Amino acid sequence: MYVITDKCVSCGSCADACPNEAIVEGADHYEINTDLCVECGTCQGECPNDAIEEE
């Protein structure tokens, strides 16, 4: 499972890259909807701040 950490600056790169639209803007930063995420890792590769980690 992937999680978006506090390093996120809400640039939207991960959300734009997600093939399942599983990433949405949250109160403080983007969040991953685990019901839609298929753990492909695309978002992690697109994040310029290394804010997405595998749990």
PDB file of N, CA and C in Angstrom:
ATOM      1  N   MET A   1       0.840  -1.168   0.000  1.00  0.00           N
ATOM      2  CA  MET A   1       0.000   0.000   0.000  1.00  0.00           C
ATOM      3  C   MET A   1       0.891   1.239   0.000  1.00  0.00           C
ATOM      4  N   TYR A   2       0.507   2.237  -0.773  1.00  0.00           N
ATOM      5  CA  TYR A   2       1.239   3.498  -0.844  1.00  0.00           C
ATOM      6  C   TYR A   2       0.544   4.546   0.005  1.00  0.00           C
ATOM      7  N   VAL A   3       1.344   5.415   0.606  1.00  0.00           N
ATOM      8  CA  VAL A   3       0.809   6.534   1.387  1.00  0.00           C
ATOM      9  C   VAL A   3       1.527   7.812   0.969  1.00  0.00           C
ATOM     10  N   ILE A   4       0.826   8.918   1.074  1.00  0.00           N
ATOM     11  CA  ILE A   4       1.410  10.218   0.781  1.00  0.00           C
ATOM     12  C   ILE A   4       1.765  10.868   2.111  1.00  0.00           C
ATOM     13  N   THR A   5       3.032  11.234   2.254  1.00  0.00           N
ATOM     14  CA  THR A   5       3.532  11.774   3.519  1.00  0.00           C
ATOM     15  C   THR A   5       3.402  13.291   3.574  1.00  0.00           C
ATOM     16  N   ASP A   6       3.847  13.855   4.681  1.00  0.00           N
ATOM     17  CA  ASP A   6       3.795  15.304   4.875  1.00  0.00           C
ATOM     18  C   ASP A   6       4.763  16.062   3.968  1.00  0.00           C
ATOM     19  N   LYS A   7       5.597  15.359   3.221  1.00  0.00           N
ATOM     20  CA  LYS A   7       6.485  16.017   2.259  1.00  0.00           C
ATOM     21  C   LYS A   7       5.700  16.554   1.063  1.00  0.00           C
ATOM     22  N   CYS A   8       4.450  16.129   0.928  1.00  0.00           N
ATOM     23  CA  CYS A   8       3.599  16.535  -0.194  1.00  0.00           C
ATOM     24  C   CYS A   8       3.361  18.038  -0.172  1.00  0.00           C
ATOM     25  N   VAL A   9       3.550  18.673  -1.338  1.00  0.00           N
ATOM     26  CA  VAL A   9       3.302  20.108  -1.469  1.00  0.00           C
ATOM     27  C   VAL A   9       2.065  20.370  -2.329  1.00  0.00           C
ATOM     28  N   SER A  10       1.265  19.340  -2.553  1.00  0.00           N
ATOM     29  CA  SER A  10       0.011  19.436  -3.313  1.00  0.00           C
ATOM     30  C   SER A  10       0.201  19.971  -4.731  1.00  0.00           C
ATOM     31  N   CYS A  11       1.240  19.473  -5.406  1.00  0.00           N
ATOM     32  CA  CYS A  11       1.489  19.919  -6.779  1.00  0.00           C
ATOM     33  C   CYS A  11       0.564  19.241  -7.785  1.00  0.00           C
ATOM     34  N   GLY A  12       0.048  18.056  -7.428  1.00  0.00           N
ATOM     35  CA  GLY A  12      -0.893  17.356  -8.288  1.00  0.00           C
ATOM     36  C   GLY A  12      -0.285  16.402  -9.291  1.00  0.00           C
ATOM     37  N   SER A  13       1.033  16.280  -9.311  1.00  0.00           N
ATOM     38  CA  SER A  13       1.691  15.373 -10.264  1.00  0.00           C
ATOM     39  C   SER A  13       1.216  13.938 -10.109  1.00  0.00           C
ATOM     40  N   CYS A  14       1.074  13.498  -8.896  1.00  0.00           N
ATOM     41  CA  CYS A  14       0.659  12.125  -8.635  1.00  0.00           C
ATOM     42  C   CYS A  14      -0.779  11.883  -9.096  1.00  0.00           C
ATOM     43  N   ALA A  15      -1.643  12.836  -8.799  1.00  0.00           N
ATOM     44  CA  ALA A  15      -3.053  12.702  -9.176  1.00  0.00           C
ATOM     45  C   ALA A  15      -3.210  12.667 -10.693  1.00  0.00           C
ATOM     46  N   ASP A  16      -2.447  13.497 -11.391  1.00  0.00           N
ATOM     47  CA  ASP A  16      -2.506  13.522 -12.855  1.00  0.00           C
ATOM     48  C   ASP A  16      -2.022  12.206 -13.455  1.00  0.00           C
ATOM     49  N   ALA A  17      -1.066  11.556 -12.794  1.00  0.00           N
ATOM     50  CA  ALA A  17      -0.473  10.328 -13.325  1.00  0.00           C
ATOM     51  C   ALA A  17      -1.259   9.064 -12.975  1.00  0.00           C
ATOM     52  N   CYS A  18      -2.096   9.125 -11.961  1.00  0.00           N
ATOM     53  CA  CYS A  18      -2.793   7.925 -11.487  1.00  0.00           C
ATOM     54  C   CYS A  18      -3.804   7.421 -12.524  1.00  0.00           C
ATOM     55  N   PRO A  19      -3.631   6.178 -12.979  1.00  0.00           N
ATOM     56  CA  PRO A  19      -4.539   5.633 -13.987  1.00  0.00           C
ATOM     57  C   PRO A  19      -5.942   5.323 -13.469  1.00  0.00           C
ATOM     58  N   ASN A  20      -6.110   5.243 -12.150  1.00  0.00           N
ATOM     59  CA  ASN A  20      -7.409   4.896 -11.566  1.00  0.00           C
ATOM     60  C   ASN A  20      -8.080   6.057 -10.849  1.00  0.00           C
ATOM     61  N   GLU A  21      -7.497   7.245 -10.956  1.00  0.00           N
ATOM     62  CA  GLU A  21      -8.033   8.415 -10.268  1.00  0.00           C
ATOM     63  C   GLU A  21      -8.229   8.146  -8.774  1.00  0.00           C
ATOM     64  N   ALA A  22      -7.246   7.470  -8.185  1.00  0.00           N
ATOM     65  CA  ALA A  22      -7.313   7.092  -6.777  1.00  0.00           C
ATOM     66  C   ALA A  22      -6.734   8.153  -5.850  1.00  0.00           C
ATOM     67  N   ILE A  23      -6.187   9.226  -6.413  1.00  0.00           N
ATOM     68  CA  ILE A  23      -5.564  10.260  -5.589  1.00  0.00           C
ATOM     69  C   ILE A  23      -6.408  11.520  -5.642  1.00  0.00           C
ATOM     70  N   VAL A  24      -6.770  11.990  -4.446  1.00  0.00           N
ATOM     71  CA  VAL A  24      -7.622  13.177  -4.342  1.00  0.00           C
ATOM     72  C   VAL A  24      -6.984  14.186  -3.397  1.00  0.00           C
ATOM     73  N   GLU A  25      -7.366  15.438  -3.578  1.00  0.00           N
ATOM     74  CA  GLU A  25      -6.831  16.484  -2.716  1.00  0.00           C
ATOM     75  C   GLU A  25      -7.493  16.409  -1.348  1.00  0.00           C
ATOM     76  N   GLY A  26      -6.670  16.316  -0.314  1.00  0.00           N
ATOM     77  CA  GLY A  26      -7.169  16.256   1.051  1.00  0.00           C
ATOM     78  C   GLY A  26      -7.059  17.608   1.730  1.00  0.00           C
ATOM     79  N   ALA A  27      -7.294  17.650   3.011  1.00  0.00           N
ATOM     80  CA  ALA A  27      -7.260  18.902   3.765  1.00  0.00           C
ATOM     81  C   ALA A  27      -5.862  19.514   3.808  1.00  0.00           C
ATOM     82  N   ASP A  28      -4.848  18.675   4.047  1.00  0.00           N
ATOM     83  CA  ASP A  28      -3.476  19.168   4.170  1.00  0.00           C
ATOM     84  C   ASP A  28      -2.633  18.864   2.944  1.00  0.00           C
ATOM     85  N   HIS A  29      -2.893  17.736   2.299  1.00  0.00           N
ATOM     86  CA  HIS A  29      -2.156  17.325   1.104  1.00  0.00           C
ATOM     87  C   HIS A  29      -2.956  16.251   0.388  1.00  0.00           C
ATOM     88  N   TYR A  30      -2.461  15.813  -0.752  1.00  0.00           N
ATOM     89  CA  TYR A  30      -3.171  14.781  -1.497  1.00  0.00           C
ATOM     90  C   TYR A  30      -3.211  13.483  -0.702  1.00  0.00           C
ATOM     91  N   GLU A  31      -4.236  12.677  -0.964  1.00  0.00           N
ATOM     92  CA  GLU A  31      -4.418  11.400  -0.269  1.00  0.00           C
ATOM     93  C   GLU A  31      -4.765  10.322  -1.280  1.00  0.00           C
ATOM     94  N   ILE A  32      -4.442   9.080  -0.935  1.00  0.00           N
ATOM     95  CA  ILE A  32      -4.721   7.947  -1.806  1.00  0.00           C
ATOM     96  C   ILE A  32      -5.956   7.219  -1.297  1.00  0.00           C
ATOM     97  N   ASN A  33      -6.931   7.048  -2.179  1.00  0.00           N
ATOM     98  CA  ASN A  33      -8.129   6.273  -1.855  1.00  0.00           C
ATOM     99  C   ASN A  33      -7.755   4.807  -2.027  1.00  0.00           C
ATOM    100  N   THR A  34      -7.626   4.094  -0.938  1.00  0.00           N
ATOM    101  CA  THR A  34      -7.161   2.703  -0.988  1.00  0.00           C
ATOM    102  C   THR A  34      -8.155   1.763  -1.671  1.00  0.00           C
ATOM    103  N   ASP A  35      -9.405   2.174  -1.758  1.00  0.00           N
ATOM    104  CA  ASP A  35     -10.398   1.347  -2.449  1.00  0.00           C
ATOM    105  C   ASP A  35     -10.179   1.360  -3.966  1.00  0.00           C
ATOM    106  N   LEU A  36      -9.593   2.437  -4.482  1.00  0.00           N
ATOM    107  CA  LEU A  36      -9.367   2.567  -5.918  1.00  0.00           C
ATOM    108  C   LEU A  36      -7.933   2.247  -6.333  1.00  0.00           C
ATOM    109  N   CYS A  37      -6.999   2.335  -5.406  1.00  0.00           N
ATOM    110  CA  CYS A  37      -5.581   2.122  -5.705  1.00  0.00           C
ATOM    111  C   CYS A  37      -5.293   0.652  -6.017  1.00  0.00           C
ATOM    112  N   VAL A  38      -4.566   0.424  -7.118  1.00  0.00           N
ATOM    113  CA  VAL A  38      -4.181  -0.943  -7.492  1.00  0.00           C
ATOM    114  C   VAL A  38      -2.688  -1.178  -7.245  1.00  0.00           C
ATOM    115  N   GLU A  39      -2.054  -0.251  -6.527  1.00  0.00           N
ATOM    116  CA  GLU A  39      -0.652  -0.346  -6.129  1.00  0.00           C
ATOM    117  C   GLU A  39       0.292  -0.524  -7.312  1.00  0.00           C
ATOM    118  N   CYS A  40       0.066   0.248  -8.367  1.00  0.00           N
ATOM    119  CA  CYS A  40       0.917   0.156  -9.554  1.00  0.00           C
ATOM    120  C   CYS A  40       2.229   0.915  -9.381  1.00  0.00           C
ATOM    121  N   GLY A  41       2.275   1.899  -8.464  1.00  0.00           N
ATOM    122  CA  GLY A  41       3.494   2.649  -8.202  1.00  0.00           C
ATOM    123  C   GLY A  41       3.729   3.832  -9.118  1.00  0.00           C
ATOM    124  N   THR A  42       2.819   4.087 -10.034  1.00  0.00           N
ATOM    125  CA  THR A  42       2.982   5.205 -10.965  1.00  0.00           C
ATOM    126  C   THR A  42       3.111   6.528 -10.218  1.00  0.00           C
ATOM    127  N   CYS A  43       2.308   6.717  -9.209  1.00  0.00           N
ATOM    128  CA  CYS A  43       2.320   7.974  -8.452  1.00  0.00           C
ATOM    129  C   CYS A  43       3.681   8.207  -7.785  1.00  0.00           C
ATOM    130  N   GLN A  44       4.249   7.161  -7.240  1.00  0.00           N
ATOM    131  CA  GLN A  44       5.531   7.275  -6.553  1.00  0.00           C
ATOM    132  C   GLN A  44       6.623   7.750  -7.516  1.00  0.00           C
ATOM    133  N   GLY A  45       6.594   7.243  -8.723  1.00  0.00           N
ATOM    134  CA  GLY A  45       7.584   7.629  -9.715  1.00  0.00           C
ATOM    135  C   GLY A  45       7.418   9.052 -10.214  1.00  0.00           C
ATOM    136  N   GLU A  46       6.210   9.589 -10.121  1.00  0.00           N
ATOM    137  CA  GLU A  46       5.930  10.936 -10.615  1.00  0.00           C
ATOM    138  C   GLU A  46       6.132  12.030  -9.579  1.00  0.00           C
ATOM    139  N   CYS A  47       6.197  11.676  -8.315  1.00  0.00           N
ATOM    140  CA  CYS A  47       6.289  12.686  -7.251  1.00  0.00           C
ATOM    141  C   CYS A  47       7.681  13.333  -7.225  1.00  0.00           C
ATOM    142  N   PRO A  48       7.754  14.661  -7.447  1.00  0.00           N
ATOM    143  CA  PRO A  48       9.051  15.337  -7.449  1.00  0.00           C
ATOM    144  C   PRO A  48       9.646  15.540  -6.055  1.00  0.00           C
ATOM    145  N   ASN A  49       8.855  15.285  -5.009  1.00  0.00           N
ATOM    146  CA  ASN A  49       9.316  15.514  -3.636  1.00  0.00           C
ATOM    147  C   ASN A  49       9.519  14.230  -2.841  1.00  0.00           C
ATOM    148  N   ASP A  50       9.428  13.097  -3.505  1.00  0.00           N
ATOM    149  CA  ASP A  50       9.552  11.798  -2.809  1.00  0.00           C
ATOM    150  C   ASP A  50       8.609  11.709  -1.615  1.00  0.00           C
ATOM    151  N   ALA A  51       7.385  12.188  -1.810  1.00  0.00           N
ATOM    152  CA  ALA A  51       6.409  12.226  -0.716  1.00  0.00           C
ATOM    153  C   ALA A  51       5.544  10.970  -0.662  1.00  0.00           C
ATOM    154  N   ILE A  52       5.723  10.047  -1.621  1.00  0.00           N
ATOM    155  CA  ILE A  52       4.903   8.843  -1.633  1.00  0.00           C
ATOM    156  C   ILE A  52       5.777   7.647  -1.278  1.00  0.00           C
ATOM    157  N   GLU A  53       5.359   6.947  -0.235  1.00  0.00           N
ATOM    158  CA  GLU A  53       6.138   5.812   0.268  1.00  0.00           C
ATOM    159  C   GLU A  53       5.272   4.561   0.295  1.00  0.00           C
ATOM    160  N   GLU A  54       5.958   3.433   0.189  1.00  0.00           N
ATOM    161  CA  GLU A  54       5.284   2.146   0.296  1.00  0.00           C
ATOM    162  C   GLU A  54       5.257   1.764   1.768  1.00  0.00           C
ATOM    163  N   GLU A  55       4.101   1.388   2.247  1.00  0.00           N
ATOM    164  CA  GLU A  55       3.958   1.004   3.664  1.00  0.00           C
ATOM    165  C   GLU A  55       4.371  -0.417   3.894  1.00  0.00           C
TER     166      GLU A  55
END
